[in-house]
Amino acid sequence: MKETWHFVNTKSSNPFYNMAVDEALMNFVSREEIDPVIRFYTWNPATLSIGYFQKLTKEIDIEKVKEKGFGLVRRATGGRGVLHDKELTYSVIVPESHPNMPQTVTEAYRVISEGLLEGFKALGFEAYFSVPKSKEAREKLKSPRSSVCFDAPSWYELVVEGRKIAGSAQTRQKGVILQHGSILQDINVDELFDMFTYRNDRLKEKMKAAFMDKAIAINDISDRHITLEEMETAFYEGFKKGLNIEFKPLEFTESQKEEIKHLEDKYRSEEWTYRK
């Protein structure tokens, strides 16, 4: 018998709501109000999200972000700044104690990302995981990482059409795993890097080149234009297949909506955004 998880697609929303829902879902799963859940969403306006540990005023050109009309929000997960524009964002929220969830961040990332792998395959792409070759790297994989977020993809790399895909981060709080990430439809790399401050242009170009090695958009590797709706369908089926689950729809109760609204105020506050 396949396990049944909740599924919700909150569609296009503002950045503060998007981050509030991810945190609220962690609370709901932690309190056992809902089963494990997978969520899809998109962003309006296009938004720069920064990692939990990033020093905002030091690393980001805030005036440039405003000038471009982008939203700005701090995530609960680690990692670098991400420009959310033409993409499908996913989040997976599951108890750490779930029998199919390994103890370590890296191994859990591998299990959850099976859903991404199958989604890319459903769109007709060749996709697989590359595992670190060296013994030292493999040993590191076995040791549990800190429960604080870090970018797991540097361990198990998801390779699509020969290119490594970055863009997922994980955190563990209240006995719950949250993994969320971007599945890029299209990307403007110059736009993204314009918003960061660098010591010099050479460093900026070096960072941009490294990023372009990994950040790949579906329409960069497809011989036809793939729509957001096609992506939603492919990854909906991909997660079902990859995690061997069925879905049931999730509808928020009135009290859950109130909790989301309360958290939205937190993510909207300067106290949260400028906390580092």
Protein backbone atom coordinates (compact mmCIF):
# COMPACT_ATOMS: atom_id res chain seq x y z
CA MET A 1 0.00 0.00 0.00
CA LYS A 2 1.31 3.42 -0.96
CA GLU A 3 1.35 6.07 1.73
CA THR A 4 -0.85 9.13 1.08
CA TRP A 5 0.66 12.57 1.63
CA HIS A 6 -0.98 15.97 1.44
CA PHE A 7 -0.45 18.16 -1.63
CA VAL A 8 -1.13 21.88 -2.06
CA ASN A 9 -0.37 24.29 -4.89
CA THR A 10 -0.65 27.83 -3.53
CA LYS A 11 0.09 29.24 -7.00
CA SER A 12 1.36 32.85 -7.34
CA SER A 13 1.78 34.80 -4.08
CA ASN A 14 3.89 37.50 -2.48
CA PRO A 15 7.28 36.52 -0.98
CA PHE A 16 6.21 36.96 2.65
CA TYR A 17 3.20 34.67 2.22
CA ASN A 18 5.35 32.11 0.41
CA MET A 19 7.86 31.85 3.25
CA ALA A 20 5.13 31.99 5.91
CA VAL A 21 3.33 28.99 4.40
CA ASP A 22 6.52 26.90 4.36
CA GLU A 23 7.12 27.65 8.05
CA ALA A 24 3.46 27.09 8.93
CA LEU A 25 3.48 23.72 7.19
CA MET A 26 6.44 22.72 9.38
CA ASN A 27 4.36 23.65 12.44
CA PHE A 28 1.29 21.75 11.21
CA VAL A 29 3.36 18.60 10.52
CA SER A 30 5.20 18.97 13.85
CA ARG A 31 1.86 19.12 15.70
CA GLU A 32 0.58 16.17 13.61
CA GLU A 33 -2.32 18.26 12.30
CA ILE A 34 -1.50 17.16 8.77
CA ASP A 35 0.39 14.34 7.08
CA PRO A 36 3.70 14.91 5.26
CA VAL A 37 3.06 17.48 2.55
CA ILE A 38 4.42 18.62 -0.79
CA ARG A 39 3.70 22.15 -1.92
CA PHE A 40 4.18 23.99 -5.22
CA TYR A 41 4.19 27.78 -5.56
CA THR A 42 5.35 30.74 -7.65
CA TRP A 43 6.28 34.36 -6.85
CA ASN A 44 4.68 37.75 -7.47
CA PRO A 45 6.58 40.00 -7.77
CA ALA A 46 9.81 38.30 -8.84
CA THR A 47 11.79 38.12 -5.59
CA LEU A 48 15.34 37.87 -4.31
CA SER A 49 15.32 35.45 -1.36
CA ILE A 50 18.40 35.46 0.84
CA GLY A 51 19.70 32.64 3.01
CA TYR A 52 19.12 32.61 6.77
CA PHE A 53 22.80 33.33 7.50
CA GLN A 54 23.49 35.93 4.82
CA LYS A 55 24.60 39.42 5.83
CA LEU A 56 22.08 41.42 3.89
CA THR A 57 23.60 44.92 3.87
CA LYS A 58 27.09 43.58 3.23
CA GLU A 59 26.25 41.19 0.38
CA ILE A 60 23.22 42.69 -1.34
CA ASP A 61 22.78 45.98 -3.21
CA ILE A 62 19.38 46.79 -1.70
CA GLU A 63 18.87 49.90 -3.83
CA LYS A 64 19.39 47.82 -6.98
CA VAL A 65 16.77 45.30 -5.78
CA LYS A 66 14.25 48.14 -5.24
CA GLU A 67 15.18 49.78 -8.56
CA LYS A 68 14.38 46.57 -10.41
CA GLY A 69 11.03 46.27 -8.62
CA PHE A 70 11.88 42.91 -7.06
CA GLY A 71 10.63 41.63 -3.73
CA LEU A 72 13.15 40.83 -0.97
CA VAL A 73 12.71 38.18 1.73
CA ARG A 74 14.92 36.19 4.10
CA ARG A 75 14.44 32.40 4.05
CA ALA A 76 14.47 30.06 7.05
CA THR A 77 17.00 27.92 5.16
CA GLY A 78 20.67 28.57 4.42
CA GLY A 79 22.41 29.06 1.12
CA ARG A 80 22.96 32.04 -1.12
CA GLY A 81 20.63 34.58 -2.67
CA VAL A 82 18.18 33.19 -5.21
CA LEU A 83 16.18 35.18 -7.74
CA HIS A 84 12.71 33.64 -7.96
CA ASP A 85 11.16 34.62 -11.24
CA LYS A 86 10.28 32.17 -14.00
CA GLU A 87 10.31 28.99 -11.95
CA LEU A 88 8.27 26.41 -10.09
CA THR A 89 9.21 26.36 -6.41
CA TYR A 90 8.60 23.20 -4.41
CA SER A 91 8.73 22.38 -0.71
CA VAL A 92 8.63 19.00 1.00
CA ILE A 93 7.75 18.85 4.70
CA VAL A 94 8.07 15.49 6.46
CA PRO A 95 8.77 14.33 10.05
CA GLU A 96 12.42 13.44 10.78
CA SER A 97 11.07 10.23 12.32
CA HIS A 98 9.44 9.11 9.05
CA PRO A 99 10.58 5.53 8.34
CA ASN A 100 11.73 6.44 4.81
CA MET A 101 13.75 9.47 5.92
CA PRO A 102 17.48 8.88 6.61
CA GLN A 103 19.10 10.59 9.62
CA THR A 104 21.58 12.71 7.70
CA VAL A 105 20.71 15.82 5.71
CA THR A 106 22.57 14.53 2.65
CA GLU A 107 20.88 11.12 2.55
CA ALA A 108 17.44 12.67 3.16
CA TYR A 109 18.15 15.15 0.37
CA ARG A 110 18.87 12.19 -1.91
CA VAL A 111 15.55 10.50 -1.03
CA ILE A 112 13.43 13.65 -1.42
CA SER A 113 15.19 14.62 -4.65
CA GLU A 114 14.07 11.35 -6.26
CA GLY A 115 10.87 13.34 -6.87
CA LEU A 116 12.81 15.98 -8.79
CA LEU A 117 14.69 13.31 -10.72
CA GLU A 118 11.44 11.66 -11.85
CA GLY A 119 9.94 15.06 -12.70
CA PHE A 120 12.80 15.89 -15.07
CA LYS A 121 12.47 12.42 -16.61
CA ALA A 122 8.72 12.99 -17.09
CA LEU A 123 9.61 16.09 -19.13
CA GLY A 124 11.80 13.90 -21.33
CA PHE A 125 15.22 14.85 -19.92
CA GLU A 126 18.06 12.51 -19.09
CA ALA A 127 18.61 12.85 -15.32
CA TYR A 128 20.64 11.02 -12.68
CA PHE A 129 22.53 11.56 -9.40
CA SER A 130 26.28 11.83 -9.38
CA VAL A 131 27.91 10.60 -6.19
CA PRO A 132 31.27 11.97 -4.97
CA LYS A 133 34.13 9.86 -6.27
CA SER A 134 36.77 10.25 -3.57
CA LYS A 135 36.79 8.10 -0.44
CA GLU A 136 37.16 11.21 1.72
CA ALA A 137 34.06 12.80 0.19
CA ARG A 138 32.06 9.60 0.64
CA GLU A 139 33.12 9.38 4.31
CA LYS A 140 31.93 12.96 4.84
CA LEU A 141 28.59 11.97 3.37
CA LYS A 142 28.07 9.40 6.13
CA SER A 143 28.58 11.81 9.01
CA PRO A 144 25.45 13.66 10.16
CA ARG A 145 25.61 17.35 9.42
CA SER A 146 24.48 20.10 11.73
CA SER A 147 20.72 20.48 11.91
CA VAL A 148 21.19 24.04 10.75
CA CYS A 149 20.54 24.48 7.07
CA PHE A 150 23.18 24.01 4.47
CA ASP A 151 23.13 23.46 0.74
CA ALA A 152 22.94 19.71 0.35
CA PRO A 153 23.31 19.57 -3.46
CA SER A 154 27.07 19.90 -3.16
CA TRP A 155 26.97 16.30 -1.94
CA TYR A 156 24.48 14.44 -4.12
CA GLU A 157 24.41 16.34 -7.37
CA LEU A 158 21.33 16.04 -9.55
CA VAL A 159 22.58 16.00 -13.14
CA VAL A 160 20.18 16.85 -15.96
CA GLU A 161 21.32 16.62 -19.58
CA GLY A 162 24.92 16.58 -18.37
CA ARG A 163 24.59 19.76 -16.28
CA LYS A 164 24.51 19.86 -12.48
CA ILE A 165 21.41 21.46 -11.06
CA ALA A 166 21.62 23.53 -7.89
CA GLY A 167 18.84 25.20 -6.02
CA SER A 168 17.59 23.20 -3.02
CA ALA A 169 18.15 23.84 0.68
CA GLN A 170 17.09 21.97 3.79
CA THR A 171 16.45 22.76 7.43
CA ARG A 172 15.32 20.67 10.39
CA GLN A 173 13.26 22.21 13.17
CA LYS A 174 10.75 20.85 15.70
CA GLY A 175 11.40 17.28 14.56
CA VAL A 176 10.49 18.15 10.96
CA ILE A 177 12.48 18.29 7.71
CA LEU A 178 11.79 21.13 5.29
CA GLN A 179 13.42 20.95 1.89
CA HIS A 180 12.57 23.57 -0.67
CA GLY A 181 14.06 24.65 -3.94
CA SER A 182 13.67 26.21 -7.36
CA ILE A 183 12.96 24.37 -10.58
CA LEU A 184 13.96 27.01 -13.13
CA GLN A 185 11.89 27.53 -16.26
CA ASP A 186 14.06 30.43 -17.52
CA ILE A 187 16.84 32.44 -15.85
CA ASN A 188 18.51 35.81 -16.35
CA VAL A 189 21.92 35.37 -14.69
CA ASP A 190 23.02 38.99 -15.32
CA GLU A 191 19.90 40.27 -13.55
CA LEU A 192 20.67 38.14 -10.49
CA PHE A 193 24.35 39.09 -10.20
CA ASP A 194 23.58 42.80 -10.59
CA MET A 195 22.05 42.70 -7.11
CA PHE A 196 25.12 41.42 -5.28
CA THR A 197 28.06 43.48 -4.09
CA TYR A 198 31.56 42.21 -4.91
CA ARG A 199 35.04 43.42 -4.02
CA ASN A 200 35.86 43.72 -7.72
CA ASP A 201 34.57 42.86 -11.19
CA ARG A 202 36.95 39.92 -11.58
CA LEU A 203 35.45 38.20 -8.55
CA LYS A 204 31.95 38.94 -9.82
CA GLU A 205 32.71 37.33 -13.21
CA LYS A 206 34.31 34.32 -11.52
CA MET A 207 31.25 33.79 -9.28
CA LYS A 208 28.91 34.26 -12.23
CA ALA A 209 30.79 31.65 -14.29
CA ALA A 210 30.67 29.16 -11.39
CA PHE A 211 26.95 29.79 -10.98
CA MET A 212 26.24 29.30 -14.69
CA ASP A 213 27.91 25.89 -14.53
CA LYS A 214 25.17 24.80 -12.16
CA ALA A 215 22.12 26.96 -12.60
CA ILE A 216 20.30 25.54 -15.52
CA ALA A 217 16.83 26.43 -16.67
CA ILE A 218 14.56 23.89 -18.31
CA ASN A 219 14.15 26.03 -21.42
CA ASP A 220 17.95 26.26 -21.82
CA ILE A 221 18.12 22.51 -22.35
CA SER A 222 14.80 21.87 -24.08
CA ASP A 223 14.29 21.97 -27.83
CA ARG A 224 10.79 23.40 -27.24
CA HIS A 225 9.25 25.88 -24.80
CA ILE A 226 8.01 24.08 -21.68
CA THR A 227 5.17 25.85 -19.86
CA LEU A 228 4.69 26.22 -16.12
CA GLU A 229 1.58 24.01 -16.35
CA GLU A 230 3.62 21.23 -17.96
CA MET A 231 6.21 21.58 -15.19
CA GLU A 232 3.49 21.38 -12.51
CA THR A 233 2.09 18.19 -14.03
CA ALA A 234 5.51 16.55 -14.54
CA PHE A 235 6.77 17.23 -11.01
CA TYR A 236 3.40 16.35 -9.42
CA GLU A 237 3.71 12.92 -11.06
CA GLY A 238 7.48 12.89 -10.41
CA PHE A 239 7.11 13.24 -6.64
CA LYS A 240 4.41 10.54 -6.56
CA LYS A 241 6.69 8.14 -8.43
CA GLY A 242 9.99 9.14 -6.81
CA LEU A 243 8.65 8.92 -3.25
CA ASN A 244 6.20 6.08 -4.00
CA ILE A 245 3.22 8.00 -2.61
CA GLU A 246 -0.32 9.09 -3.47
CA PHE A 247 -1.67 12.60 -2.90
CA LYS A 248 -4.74 14.05 -1.20
CA PRO A 249 -5.52 17.78 -1.40
CA LEU A 250 -4.77 20.03 1.57
CA GLU A 251 -7.15 22.85 2.48
CA PHE A 252 -6.19 25.17 5.30
CA THR A 253 -8.56 25.56 8.26
CA GLU A 254 -9.45 29.04 9.52
CA SER A 255 -7.00 28.74 12.45
CA GLN A 256 -4.24 27.57 10.07
CA LYS A 257 -4.92 30.58 7.84
CA GLU A 258 -4.59 32.82 10.91
CA GLU A 259 -1.24 31.22 11.78
CA ILE A 260 0.01 31.80 8.22
CA LYS A 261 -1.10 35.45 8.40
CA HIS A 262 0.76 35.90 11.70
CA LEU A 263 3.95 34.39 10.20
CA GLU A 264 3.55 36.54 7.10
CA ASP A 265 3.88 39.61 9.35
CA LYS A 266 7.17 38.17 10.67
CA TYR A 267 8.66 37.69 7.20
CA ARG A 268 7.45 41.15 6.19
CA SER A 269 9.19 42.81 9.17
CA GLU A 270 12.51 44.62 8.84
CA GLU A 271 13.55 43.01 12.12
CA TRP A 272 13.56 39.61 10.36
CA THR A 273 14.89 40.76 6.99
CA TYR A 274 17.80 42.78 8.44
CA ARG A 275 18.55 40.43 11.33
CA LYS A 276 22.09 39.64 10.04
